[in-house]
C-alpha atoms as a PDB file:
ATOM      1  CA  MET A   1     304.133 214.554   0.015  1.00  0.00           C
ATOM      2  CA  ARG A   2     300.921 212.455  -0.375  1.00  0.00           C
ATOM      3  CA  PRO A   3     299.960 212.090  -4.081  1.00  0.00           C
ATOM      4  CA  THR A   4     296.561 213.508  -4.920  1.00  0.00           C
ATOM      5  CA  ALA A   5     293.601 211.367  -6.064  1.00  0.00           C
ATOM      6  CA  LEU A   6     293.657 213.009  -9.551  1.00  0.00           C
ATOM      7  CA  GLN A   7     297.364 212.137  -9.926  1.00  0.00           C
ATOM      8  CA  ILE A   8     296.842 208.554  -9.056  1.00  0.00           C
ATOM      9  CA  ALA A   9     293.662 208.072 -11.265  1.00  0.00           C
ATOM     10  CA  THR A  10     295.519 209.781 -14.294  1.00  0.00           C
ATOM     11  CA  ASP A  11     298.483 207.580 -13.733  1.00  0.00           C
ATOM     12  CA  LEU A  12     296.479 204.461 -13.523  1.00  0.00           C
ATOM     13  CA  LEU A  13     295.130 205.260 -17.115  1.00  0.00           C
ATOM     14  CA  LYS A  14     298.405 205.130 -18.852  1.00  0.00           C
ATOM     15  CA  GLY A  15     298.317 202.512 -21.596  1.00  0.00           C
ATOM     16  CA  SER A  16     294.539 202.725 -21.702  1.00  0.00           C
ATOM     17  CA  LYS A  17     292.218 204.098 -24.230  1.00  0.00           C
ATOM     18  CA  ALA A  18     289.675 204.778 -21.450  1.00  0.00           C
ATOM     19  CA  ASN A  19     288.817 208.184 -20.332  1.00  0.00           C
ATOM     20  CA  LEU A  20     289.098 209.758 -16.783  1.00  0.00           C
ATOM     21  CA  LYS A  21     285.609 210.435 -15.304  1.00  0.00           C
ATOM     22  CA  LYS A  22     285.149 212.895 -12.687  1.00  0.00           C
ATOM     23  CA  VAL A  23     282.480 211.795 -10.135  1.00  0.00           C
ATOM     24  CA  ASP A  24     280.961 213.020  -6.947  1.00  0.00           C
ATOM     25  CA  GLY A  25     283.811 212.939  -4.427  1.00  0.00           C
ATOM     26  CA  GLY A  26     286.676 211.618  -6.654  1.00  0.00           C
ATOM     27  CA  TYR A  27     287.477 210.012  -9.986  1.00  0.00           C
ATOM     28  CA  MET A  28     286.731 206.826 -11.806  1.00  0.00           C
ATOM     29  CA  THR A  29     289.662 205.076 -13.390  1.00  0.00           C
ATOM     30  CA  ILE A  30     291.080 201.817 -14.554  1.00  0.00           C
ATOM     31  CA  CYS A  31     291.538 198.922 -11.943  1.00  0.00           C
ATOM     32  CA  PRO A  32     294.666 197.209 -12.239  1.00  0.00           C
ATOM     33  CA  ALA A  33     293.515 194.295  -9.970  1.00  0.00           C
ATOM     34  CA  HIS A  34     291.467 192.851 -12.986  1.00  0.00           C
ATOM     35  CA  ASN A  35     291.026 192.999 -16.799  1.00  0.00           C
ATOM     36  CA  ASP A  36     289.150 196.294 -16.531  1.00  0.00           C
ATOM     37  CA  ARG A  37     287.827 197.509 -19.863  1.00  0.00           C
ATOM     38  CA  THR A  38     285.725 200.525 -18.636  1.00  0.00           C
ATOM     39  CA  PRO A  39     286.656 202.702 -15.572  1.00  0.00           C
ATOM     40  CA  SER A  40     285.269 200.913 -12.597  1.00  0.00           C
ATOM     41  CA  LEU A  41     287.785 202.027  -9.955  1.00  0.00           C
ATOM     42  CA  SER A  42     286.894 204.988  -7.416  1.00  0.00           C
ATOM     43  CA  VAL A  43     289.691 206.972  -6.129  1.00  0.00           C
ATOM     44  CA  ARG A  44     289.112 209.805  -3.752  1.00  0.00           C
ATOM     45  CA  GLU A  45     290.800 211.731  -0.942  1.00  0.00           C
ATOM     46  CA  ALA A  46     289.762 211.563   2.723  1.00  0.00           C
ATOM     47  CA  GLU A  47     289.869 214.674   4.838  1.00  0.00           C
ATOM     48  CA  ASP A  48     293.340 213.840   6.031  1.00  0.00           C
ATOM     49  CA  GLY A  49     294.503 213.529   2.544  1.00  0.00           C
ATOM     50  CA  ARG A  50     294.713 209.839   2.471  1.00  0.00           C
ATOM     51  CA  ILE A  51     293.563 207.904  -0.683  1.00  0.00           C
ATOM     52  CA  ILE A  52     290.477 205.940  -0.498  1.00  0.00           C
ATOM     53  CA  ALA A  53     290.093 203.441  -3.517  1.00  0.00           C
ATOM     54  CA  THR A  54     287.199 201.054  -4.202  1.00  0.00           C
ATOM     55  CA  CYS A  55     286.650 198.827  -7.224  1.00  0.00           C
ATOM     56  CA  PHE A  56     283.130 198.404  -8.167  1.00  0.00           C
ATOM     57  CA  GLY A  57     284.089 195.783 -10.940  1.00  0.00           C
ATOM     58  CA  CYS A  58     286.066 193.116  -9.126  1.00  0.00           C
ATOM     59  CA  GLY A  59     285.277 193.994  -5.559  1.00  0.00           C
ATOM     60  CA  ALA A  60     289.263 193.336  -4.619  1.00  0.00           C
ATOM     61  CA  GLU A  61     290.050 193.442  -0.872  1.00  0.00           C
ATOM     62  CA  ARG A  62     291.650 196.803   0.044  1.00  0.00           C
ATOM     63  CA  ALA A  63     295.336 195.375   0.654  1.00  0.00           C
ATOM     64  CA  LYS A  64     295.079 193.464  -2.708  1.00  0.00           C
ATOM     65  CA  LEU A  65     293.902 196.329  -4.444  1.00  0.00           C
ATOM     66  CA  TYR A  66     296.441 198.973  -3.137  1.00  0.00           C
ATOM     67  CA  SER A  67     299.193 196.592  -3.921  1.00  0.00           C
ATOM     68  CA  ALA A  68     298.195 196.338  -7.634  1.00  0.00           C
ATOM     69  CA  MET A  69     297.719 200.149  -7.863  1.00  0.00           C
ATOM     70  CA  GLU A  70     301.084 200.686  -6.443  1.00  0.00           C
ATOM     71  CA  GLN A  71     302.797 198.260  -8.793  1.00  0.00           C
ATOM     72  CA  LYS A  72     301.001 199.984 -11.675  1.00  0.00           C
ATOM     73  CA  ILE A  73     301.701 203.655 -10.674  1.00  0.00           C
ATOM     74  CA  GLY A  74     305.192 202.954  -9.101  1.00  0.00           C
ATOM     75  CA  TYR A  75     304.876 204.940  -5.840  1.00  0.00           C
ATOM     76  CA  ALA A  76     303.241 204.630  -2.541  1.00  0.00           C
ATOM     77  CA  LEU A  77     299.470 205.748  -2.322  1.00  0.00           C
ATOM     78  CA  ASN A  78     299.406 206.612   1.297  1.00  0.00           C
ATOM     79  CA  PRO A  79     303.050 207.198   2.388  1.00  0.00           C
ATOM     80  CA  ILE A  80     303.644 206.872   6.165  1.00  0.00           C
ATOM     81  CA  GLU A  81     304.384 210.389   7.572  1.00  0.00           C
ATOM     82  CA  LYS A  82     305.320 211.212  11.140  1.00  0.00           C
ATOM     83  CA  SER A  83     301.785 212.647  11.873  1.00  0.00           C
ATOM     84  CA  ASP A  84     299.952 209.525  10.834  1.00  0.00           C
ATOM     85  CA  ARG A  85     298.445 207.950  13.791  1.00  0.00           C
ATOM     86  CA  LYS A  86     298.190 204.619  12.142  1.00  0.00           C
ATOM     87  CA  SER A  87     299.885 203.121   9.278  1.00  0.00           C
ATOM     88  CA  PRO A  88     297.912 202.488   5.804  1.00  0.00           C
ATOM     89  CA  GLU A  89     298.868 198.737   6.413  1.00  0.00           C
ATOM     90  CA  LYS A  90     297.058 198.655   9.761  1.00  0.00           C
ATOM     91  CA  LYS A  91     294.157 200.580   8.441  1.00  0.00           C
ATOM     92  CA  ALA A  92     293.915 198.155   5.529  1.00  0.00           C
ATOM     93  CA  ILE A  93     293.858 195.201   8.038  1.00  0.00           C
ATOM     94  CA  ALA A  94     291.083 196.903  10.121  1.00  0.00           C
ATOM     95  CA  VAL A  95     288.963 197.326   7.142  1.00  0.00           C
ATOM     96  CA  LYS A  96     289.546 193.871   6.107  1.00  0.00           C
ATOM     97  CA  GLN A  97     288.464 192.506   9.489  1.00  0.00           C
ATOM     98  CA  THR A  98     285.508 194.696   9.712  1.00  0.00           C
ATOM     99  CA  LYS A  99     284.187 193.487   6.298  1.00  0.00           C
ATOM    100  CA  ARG A 100     284.824 189.978   7.223  1.00  0.00           C
ATOM    101  CA  ASN A 101     282.342 190.375  10.234  1.00  0.00           C
ATOM    102  CA  ILE A 102     279.613 191.738   8.276  1.00  0.00           C
ATOM    103  CA  ARG A 103     276.807 189.685   6.706  1.00  0.00           C
ATOM    104  CA  VAL A 104     274.376 191.361   4.434  1.00  0.00           C
ATOM    105  CA  ILE A 105     270.836 190.768   5.007  1.00  0.00           C
ATOM    106  CA  THR A 106     268.107 190.855   2.357  1.00  0.00           C
ATOM    107  CA  PRO A 107     265.301 191.732   2.362  1.00  0.00           C
ATOM    108  CA  VAL A 108     265.612 194.366   5.156  1.00  0.00           C
ATOM    109  CA  PRO A 109     264.140 192.650   8.315  1.00  0.00           C
ATOM    110  CA  ALA A 110     261.480 194.190  10.372  1.00  0.00           C
ATOM    111  CA  SER A 111     263.933 194.081  13.379  1.00  0.00           C
ATOM    112  CA  ALA A 112     266.217 196.518  11.601  1.00  0.00           C
ATOM    113  CA  PRO A 113     266.747 200.089  13.111  1.00  0.00           C
ATOM    114  CA  ASP A 114     265.110 203.125  11.412  1.00  0.00           C
ATOM    115  CA  PHE A 115     267.364 203.804   8.479  1.00  0.00           C
ATOM    116  CA  ALA A 116     266.976 207.593   8.789  1.00  0.00           C
ATOM    117  CA  SER A 117     268.634 207.646  12.432  1.00  0.00           C
ATOM    118  CA  GLN A 118     271.847 205.881  11.135  1.00  0.00           C
ATOM    119  CA  ALA A 119     272.411 207.680   7.733  1.00  0.00           C
ATOM    120  CA  ARG A 120     274.066 210.648   8.885  1.00  0.00           C
ATOM    121  CA  SER A 121     277.707 211.161   7.755  1.00  0.00           C
ATOM    122  CA  LYS A 122     280.182 212.807  10.399  1.00  0.00           C
ATOM    123  CA  THR A 123     281.616 214.859   7.827  1.00  0.00           C
ATOM    124  CA  HIS A 124     278.725 215.586   5.437  1.00  0.00           C
ATOM    125  CA  GLY A 125     275.691 215.512   7.578  1.00  0.00           C
ATOM    126  CA  ASN A 126     272.389 214.038   6.526  1.00  0.00           C
ATOM    127  CA  PRO A 127     271.834 212.755   2.964  1.00  0.00           C
ATOM    128  CA  THR A 128     270.501 215.196   0.505  1.00  0.00           C
ATOM    129  CA  SER A 129     269.011 212.398  -1.397  1.00  0.00           C
ATOM    130  CA  ILE A 130     267.906 208.838  -0.590  1.00  0.00           C
ATOM    131  CA  TRP A 131     267.096 206.265  -3.430  1.00  0.00           C
ATOM    132  CA  THR A 132     265.581 202.880  -2.147  1.00  0.00           C
ATOM    133  CA  TYR A 133     266.148 199.768  -3.964  1.00  0.00           C
ATOM    134  CA  HIS A 134     263.470 196.646  -3.825  1.00  0.00           C
ATOM    135  CA  ASP A 135     263.582 193.172  -4.808  1.00  0.00           C
ATOM    136  CA  THR A 136     260.965 192.032  -7.421  1.00  0.00           C
ATOM    137  CA  GLN A 137     258.544 191.431  -4.681  1.00  0.00           C
ATOM    138  CA  GLY A 138     258.731 195.194  -3.352  1.00  0.00           C
ATOM    139  CA  GLN A 139     260.750 194.650  -0.285  1.00  0.00           C
ATOM    140  CA  VAL A 140     263.387 196.903   0.646  1.00  0.00           C
ATOM    141  CA  VAL A 141     266.929 195.780   0.079  1.00  0.00           C
ATOM    142  CA  GLY A 142     268.993 198.648   0.581  1.00  0.00           C
ATOM    143  CA  HIS A 143     269.408 202.466  -0.183  1.00  0.00           C
ATOM    144  CA  VAL A 144     271.764 204.748  -2.090  1.00  0.00           C
ATOM    145  CA  CYS A 145     272.448 208.045  -0.446  1.00  0.00           C
ATOM    146  CA  ARG A 146     273.990 211.468  -1.812  1.00  0.00           C
ATOM    147  CA  TYR A 147     275.637 213.630   0.666  1.00  0.00           C
ATOM    148  CA  GLN A 148     277.209 217.135   0.026  1.00  0.00           C
ATOM    149  CA  ASN A 149     279.078 219.708   1.860  1.00  0.00           C
ATOM    150  CA  ASP A 150     280.726 222.928   0.764  1.00  0.00           C
ATOM    151  CA  THR A 151     283.675 220.999  -0.981  1.00  0.00           C
ATOM    152  CA  GLU A 152     282.643 217.479  -1.768  1.00  0.00           C
ATOM    153  CA  LYS A 153     279.881 215.156  -2.932  1.00  0.00           C
ATOM    154  CA  LEU A 154     279.790 211.612  -2.045  1.00  0.00           C
ATOM    155  CA  ILE A 155     277.463 208.553  -3.207  1.00  0.00           C
ATOM    156  CA  TRP A 156     277.294 205.763  -0.447  1.00  0.00           C
ATOM    157  CA  PRO A 157     275.423 202.349  -0.953  1.00  0.00           C
ATOM    158  CA  TRP A 158     273.734 201.184   2.342  1.00  0.00           C
ATOM    159  CA  VAL A 159     272.593 197.882   3.367  1.00  0.00           C
ATOM    160  CA  CYS A 160     271.378 196.033   6.414  1.00  0.00           C
ATOM    161  CA  ALA A 161     273.769 193.793   7.735  1.00  0.00           C
ATOM    162  CA  GLU A 162     274.373 191.598  10.649  1.00  0.00           C
ATOM    163  CA  LYS A 163     277.142 193.154  12.739  1.00  0.00           C
ATOM    164  CA  ASP A 164     278.249 192.139  16.218  1.00  0.00           C
ATOM    165  CA  GLY A 165     275.268 189.912  16.345  1.00  0.00           C
ATOM    166  CA  ARG A 166     272.520 192.290  15.546  1.00  0.00           C
ATOM    167  CA  PRO A 167     271.017 194.055  12.409  1.00  0.00           C
ATOM    168  CA  GLN A 168     272.198 197.475  11.815  1.00  0.00           C
ATOM    169  CA  TRP A 169     272.879 199.727   8.527  1.00  0.00           C
ATOM    170  CA  VAL A 170     276.409 199.920   7.061  1.00  0.00           C
ATOM    171  CA  VAL A 171     277.910 201.226   4.056  1.00  0.00           C
ATOM    172  CA  HIS A 172     278.422 198.514   1.774  1.00  0.00           C
ATOM    173  CA  GLN A 173     277.612 196.997  -1.648  1.00  0.00           C
ATOM    174  CA  LEU A 174     274.685 194.730  -2.054  1.00  0.00           C
ATOM    175  CA  PRO A 175     275.764 191.108  -3.017  1.00  0.00           C
ATOM    176  CA  SER A 176     275.436 190.087  -6.656  1.00  0.00           C
ATOM    177  CA  PRO A 177     273.312 189.723  -8.644  1.00  0.00           C
ATOM    178  CA  ARG A 178     272.074 193.114  -7.667  1.00  0.00           C
ATOM    179  CA  PRO A 179     268.433 194.292  -8.188  1.00  0.00           C
ATOM    180  CA  LEU A 180     267.887 196.792 -10.879  1.00  0.00           C
ATOM    181  CA  TYR A 181     266.365 200.192  -9.448  1.00  0.00           C
ATOM    182  CA  ASN A 182     262.649 199.870  -9.496  1.00  0.00           C
ATOM    183  CA  ALA A 183     262.827 196.352 -10.020  1.00  0.00           C
ATOM    184  CA  HIS A 184     259.441 195.641  -8.385  1.00  0.00           C
ATOM    185  CA  GLU A 185     257.709 198.415 -10.635  1.00  0.00           C
ATOM    186  CA  ILE A 186     259.197 196.405 -13.482  1.00  0.00           C
ATOM    187  CA  THR A 187     257.829 193.046 -12.697  1.00  0.00           C
ATOM    188  CA  LYS A 188     254.483 194.367 -11.866  1.00  0.00           C
ATOM    189  CA  SER A 189     254.113 196.383 -14.980  1.00  0.00           C
ATOM    190  CA  LYS A 190     252.199 195.328 -18.040  1.00  0.00           C
ATOM    191  CA  PRO A 191     254.637 193.423 -20.613  1.00  0.00           C
ATOM    192  CA  GLY A 192     254.211 196.426 -23.018  1.00  0.00           C
ATOM    193  CA  THR A 193     255.482 199.094 -20.771  1.00  0.00           C
ATOM    194  CA  PRO A 194     258.824 200.480 -21.765  1.00  0.00           C
ATOM    195  CA  ILE A 195     261.721 200.361 -19.558  1.00  0.00           C
ATOM    196  CA  LEU A 196     263.991 203.664 -19.636  1.00  0.00           C
ATOM    197  CA  PHE A 197     267.559 202.792 -18.728  1.00  0.00           C
ATOM    198  CA  VAL A 198     269.855 205.463 -17.672  1.00  0.00           C
ATOM    199  CA  GLU A 199     272.832 206.042 -15.520  1.00  0.00           C
ATOM    200  CA  GLY A 200     272.055 206.887 -11.939  1.00  0.00           C
ATOM    201  CA  GLU A 201     269.333 207.122  -9.525  1.00  0.00           C
ATOM    202  CA  LYS A 202     268.990 210.906  -9.906  1.00  0.00           C
ATOM    203  CA  VAL A 203     268.762 210.759 -13.648  1.00  0.00           C
ATOM    204  CA  ALA A 204     266.143 207.855 -13.223  1.00  0.00           C
ATOM    205  CA  GLU A 205     263.848 210.050 -11.337  1.00  0.00           C
ATOM    206  CA  ALA A 206     264.376 213.089 -13.934  1.00  0.00           C
ATOM    207  CA  GLY A 207     263.274 210.475 -16.619  1.00  0.00           C
ATOM    208  CA  ARG A 208     260.160 209.537 -14.759  1.00  0.00           C
ATOM    209  CA  LYS A 209     259.181 213.186 -14.845  1.00  0.00           C
ATOM    210  CA  LEU A 210     259.887 213.580 -18.692  1.00  0.00           C
ATOM    211  CA  PHE A 211     258.444 210.289 -19.601  1.00  0.00           C
ATOM    212  CA  PRO A 212     255.855 209.311 -16.992  1.00  0.00           C
ATOM    213  CA  SER A 213     254.471 206.230 -18.889  1.00  0.00           C
ATOM    214  CA  TRP A 214     257.783 204.640 -18.807  1.00  0.00           C
ATOM    215  CA  ILE A 215     259.712 202.760 -15.780  1.00  0.00           C
ATOM    216  CA  PRO A 216     263.117 204.135 -15.202  1.00  0.00           C
ATOM    217  CA  THR A 217     265.817 201.854 -13.930  1.00  0.00           C
ATOM    218  CA  THR A 218     269.795 202.044 -13.480  1.00  0.00           C
ATOM    219  CA  THR A 219     272.185 199.753 -11.927  1.00  0.00           C
ATOM    220  CA  ILE A 220     273.774 200.262  -8.365  1.00  0.00           C
ATOM    221  CA  GLY A 221     276.978 202.204  -8.903  1.00  0.00           C
ATOM    222  CA  GLY A 222     275.991 203.403 -12.416  1.00  0.00           C
ATOM    223  CA  CYS A 223     278.455 202.617 -14.936  1.00  0.00           C
ATOM    224  CA  SER A 224     280.973 200.859 -12.666  1.00  0.00           C
ATOM    225  CA  ALA A 225     279.768 197.281 -12.673  1.00  0.00           C
ATOM    226  CA  PRO A 226     276.280 196.734 -14.585  1.00  0.00           C
ATOM    227  CA  HIS A 227     277.201 193.147 -15.140  1.00  0.00           C
ATOM    228  CA  LEU A 228     276.658 192.604 -11.365  1.00  0.00           C
ATOM    229  CA  SER A 229     272.983 193.540 -11.588  1.00  0.00           C
ATOM    230  CA  ASP A 230     270.143 191.019 -12.469  1.00  0.00           C
ATOM    231  CA  PHE A 231     268.931 191.799 -15.903  1.00  0.00           C
ATOM    232  CA  SER A 232     266.655 188.590 -16.030  1.00  0.00           C
ATOM    233  CA  ILE A 233     263.528 190.759 -15.311  1.00  0.00           C
ATOM    234  CA  LEU A 234     263.996 192.509 -18.776  1.00  0.00           C
ATOM    235  CA  LYS A 235     263.265 189.475 -20.755  1.00  0.00           C
ATOM    236  CA  GLY A 236     260.527 190.197 -23.363  1.00  0.00           C
ATOM    237  CA  ARG A 237     260.687 193.915 -22.666  1.00  0.00           C
ATOM    238  CA  THR A 238     261.191 197.166 -24.820  1.00  0.00           C
ATOM    239  CA  ILE A 239     264.338 198.826 -23.484  1.00  0.00           C
ATOM    240  CA  ILE A 240     265.032 202.624 -24.211  1.00  0.00           C
ATOM    241  CA  ILE A 241     268.529 203.597 -23.267  1.00  0.00           C
ATOM    242  CA  SER A 242     269.399 207.274 -22.661  1.00  0.00           C
ATOM    243  CA  PRO A 243     273.126 207.520 -22.287  1.00  0.00           C
ATOM    244  CA  ASP A 244     275.178 210.321 -20.646  1.00  0.00           C
ATOM    245  CA  ASN A 245     276.642 212.497 -23.209  1.00  0.00           C
ATOM    246  CA  ASP A 246     280.307 211.572 -22.773  1.00  0.00           C
ATOM    247  CA  GLN A 247     282.572 208.516 -23.622  1.00  0.00           C
ATOM    248  CA  PRO A 248     281.965 206.674 -20.461  1.00  0.00           C
ATOM    249  CA  GLY A 249     278.251 207.278 -20.819  1.00  0.00           C
ATOM    250  CA  MET A 250     278.196 205.583 -24.388  1.00  0.00           C
ATOM    251  CA  GLN A 251     280.408 202.623 -23.005  1.00  0.00           C
ATOM    252  CA  TYR A 252     277.686 202.160 -20.532  1.00  0.00           C
ATOM    253  CA  ALA A 253     275.008 202.202 -23.000  1.00  0.00           C
ATOM    254  CA  ALA A 254     276.843 199.499 -24.942  1.00  0.00           C
ATOM    255  CA  ASP A 255     277.203 197.435 -22.016  1.00  0.00           C
ATOM    256  CA  VAL A 256     273.498 197.747 -21.049  1.00  0.00           C
ATOM    257  CA  ALA A 257     272.489 197.051 -24.543  1.00  0.00           C
ATOM    258  CA  GLN A 258     274.394 193.805 -24.629  1.00  0.00           C
ATOM    259  CA  LEU A 259     273.241 192.770 -21.063  1.00  0.00           C
ATOM    260  CA  CYS A 260     269.488 193.501 -22.072  1.00  0.00           C
ATOM    261  CA  ALA A 261     269.952 191.225 -25.335  1.00  0.00           C
ATOM    262  CA  LYS A 262     271.636 188.647 -23.329  1.00  0.00           C
ATOM    263  CA  ALA A 263     268.482 188.650 -20.839  1.00  0.00           C
ATOM    264  CA  GLY A 264     266.075 188.213 -23.863  1.00  0.00           C
ATOM    265  CA  ALA A 265     264.817 191.857 -24.179  1.00  0.00           C
ATOM    266  CA  ASN A 266     262.336 191.927 -27.006  1.00  0.00           C
ATOM    267  CA  GLU A 267     263.462 195.436 -28.574  1.00  0.00           C
ATOM    268  CA  ILE A 268     266.456 197.648 -27.602  1.00  0.00           C
ATOM    269  CA  LEU A 269     266.080 201.283 -28.547  1.00  0.00           C
ATOM    270  CA  MET A 270     268.342 204.357 -28.012  1.00  0.00           C
ATOM    271  CA  LEU A 271     266.850 207.524 -26.941  1.00  0.00           C
ATOM    272  CA  ARG A 272     267.663 210.572 -29.139  1.00  0.00           C
ATOM    273  CA  PHE A 273     267.196 213.800 -27.431  1.00  0.00           C
ATOM    274  CA  PRO A 274     266.194 216.667 -29.482  1.00  0.00           C
ATOM    275  CA  ASP A 275     268.862 219.103 -30.947  1.00  0.00           C
ATOM    276  CA  THR A 276     267.005 221.028 -33.237  1.00  0.00           C
ATOM    277  CA  TYR A 277     264.776 222.549 -30.685  1.00  0.00           C
ATOM    278  CA  LYS A 278     265.467 224.149 -27.258  1.00  0.00           C
ATOM    279  CA  ILE A 279     263.673 225.793 -24.379  1.00  0.00           C
ATOM    280  CA  GLY A 280     263.913 229.666 -24.783  1.00  0.00           C
ATOM    281  CA  ALA A 281     262.366 232.629 -22.740  1.00  0.00           C
ATOM    282  CA  GLN A 282     258.939 232.000 -24.469  1.00  0.00           C
ATOM    283  CA  GLY A 283     259.068 228.192 -24.369  1.00  0.00           C
ATOM    284  CA  LEU A 284     259.824 225.599 -27.131  1.00  0.00           C
ATOM    285  CA  CYS A 285     261.478 227.218 -30.053  1.00  0.00           C
ATOM    286  CA  GLN A 286     263.110 225.829 -33.260  1.00  0.00           C
ATOM    287  CA  GLU A 287     266.851 226.628 -32.638  1.00  0.00           C
ATOM    288  CA  PRO A 288     270.070 224.518 -32.108  1.00  0.00           C
ATOM    289  CA  TYR A 289     270.080 222.773 -28.671  1.00  0.00           C
ATOM    290  CA  ILE A 290     273.732 222.303 -27.930  1.00  0.00           C
ATOM    291  CA  HIS A 291     274.284 219.202 -25.778  1.00  0.00           C
ATOM    292  CA  GLN A 292     276.818 219.745 -23.180  1.00  0.00           C
ATOM    293  CA  GLU A 293     279.631 217.183 -22.045  1.00  0.00           C
ATOM    294  CA  GLY A 294     278.264 214.726 -19.744  1.00  0.00           C
ATOM    295  CA  ASP A 295     274.621 216.085 -20.416  1.00  0.00           C
ATOM    296  CA  ASP A 296     271.901 213.734 -18.994  1.00  0.00           C
ATOM    297  CA  LEU A 297     267.964 213.661 -18.456  1.00  0.00           C
ATOM    298  CA  HIS A 298     268.353 215.585 -15.255  1.00  0.00           C
ATOM    299  CA  ASP A 299     270.352 218.422 -16.994  1.00  0.00           C
ATOM    300  CA  HIS A 300     267.406 218.695 -19.622  1.00  0.00           C
ATOM    301  CA  LEU A 301     265.023 218.658 -17.007  1.00  0.00           C
ATOM    302  CA  GLU A 302     266.700 221.566 -15.388  1.00  0.00           C
ATOM    303  CA  ARG A 303     266.642 223.613 -18.533  1.00  0.00           C
ATOM    304  CA  GLY A 304     263.006 223.312 -18.644  1.00  0.00           C
ATOM    305  CA  TRP A 305     262.205 220.599 -20.850  1.00  0.00           C
ATOM    306  CA  THR A 306     258.567 218.820 -20.106  1.00  0.00           C
ATOM    307  CA  THR A 307     256.737 215.998 -21.217  1.00  0.00           C
ATOM    308  CA  GLU A 308     254.594 218.300 -23.455  1.00  0.00           C
ATOM    309  CA  ASP A 309     257.530 219.824 -25.064  1.00  0.00           C
ATOM    310  CA  LEU A 310     258.896 216.393 -26.012  1.00  0.00           C
ATOM    311  CA  ARG A 311     255.408 215.399 -27.379  1.00  0.00           C
ATOM    312  CA  THR A 312     255.212 218.669 -29.608  1.00  0.00           C
ATOM    313  CA  VAL A 313     258.731 217.928 -31.129  1.00  0.00           C
ATOM    314  CA  GLN A 314     257.677 214.224 -31.755  1.00  0.00           C
ATOM    315  CA  GLN A 315     254.433 215.502 -33.443  1.00  0.00           C
ATOM    316  CA  ARG A 316     256.509 217.892 -35.565  1.00  0.00           C
ATOM    317  CA  GLY A 317     258.399 214.821 -37.146  1.00  0.00           C
ATOM    318  CA  ILE A 318     261.557 214.484 -34.833  1.00  0.00           C
ATOM    319  CA  VAL A 319     262.093 210.659 -33.909  1.00  0.00           C
ATOM    320  CA  LEU A 320     263.036 210.380 -30.358  1.00  0.00           C
ATOM    321  CA  GLN A 321     264.080 206.759 -30.549  1.00  0.00           C
ATOM    322  CA  TRP A 322     266.083 204.526 -32.938  1.00  0.00           C
ATOM    323  CA  LYS A 323     266.711 200.552 -32.801  1.00  0.00           C
ATOM    324  CA  VAL A 324     270.217 199.410 -31.927  1.00  0.00           C
ATOM    325  CA  ASP A 325     272.018 196.457 -32.806  1.00  0.00           C
ATOM    326  CA  PRO A 326     271.951 194.283 -29.685  1.00  0.00           C
ATOM    327  CA  HIS A 327     275.599 193.259 -30.125  1.00  0.00           C
ATOM    328  CA  TRP A 328     276.822 196.875 -30.283  1.00  0.00           C
ATOM    329  CA  PRO A 329     279.568 197.569 -30.041  1.00  0.00           C
ATOM    330  CA  ALA A 330     281.174 195.020 -32.267  1.00  0.00           C
ATOM    331  CA  ALA A 331     283.612 192.862 -30.358  1.00  0.00           C
END
């Protein structure tokens, strides 16, 4: 019997203080192939029940990653069954050979095929959301897409790559250092424009609606591997971090704060979303606003918060940001 993604992700956490995080299509857990401090390993189940694992922290090759995982948990990830058409070992070799033949092209050349024509998933259909990444000059370097069917959600990074001698779109991570989301907006903005740092592109666009005078950004892969992104464009800038309301979200905020400080950010602030006012049937009212586990700016936007509500709360004396120690948390 094949083990489930949840079972494997849970077993990989044994001996660690980190928490399991459920994400679209699977779970984020500790990667045994490197000294993983925060969950950077994605574990999910394919339609046929096989386990698909990808580390966004070390980028270990599939064969090496699976070997480290099996050594940690003490059992096979994809035990061979009579119904299997191809063994996991052969599939791992095929994946490795495919990746070896891919050369990512950035920025995307004019000769690249139309992205929309190749972004469709066989199992999930067309993407429900597409977020485009640009370099500092405003040239497209890749896309992140969200897919959803009745039972599963997926987030896939797409890049243009030379494959079989011609450019085409493939599901693959951008090489590091990866650009921040909206990098072109940041570099072209006035130095005093605040930068809103969140976890995930969907949350970034919600932040744009709530704080229209700020520039929202995030790292590709969310909390998985922020250190692989280029933070140098944040030198001298004011950074306002809005963490997800859970332990991984706070850890991501801490990692981002340190990377911003290392890049020479002028000031690093933490966004404190109001908890003494909420949106009621008649609009803004002074009642406790309970933040749910995992809440982010998109959740607040969905519950009816607007820019004007936040301005009103601030006018009533509620401080929405506070300064944080750039070395937080202490080593």
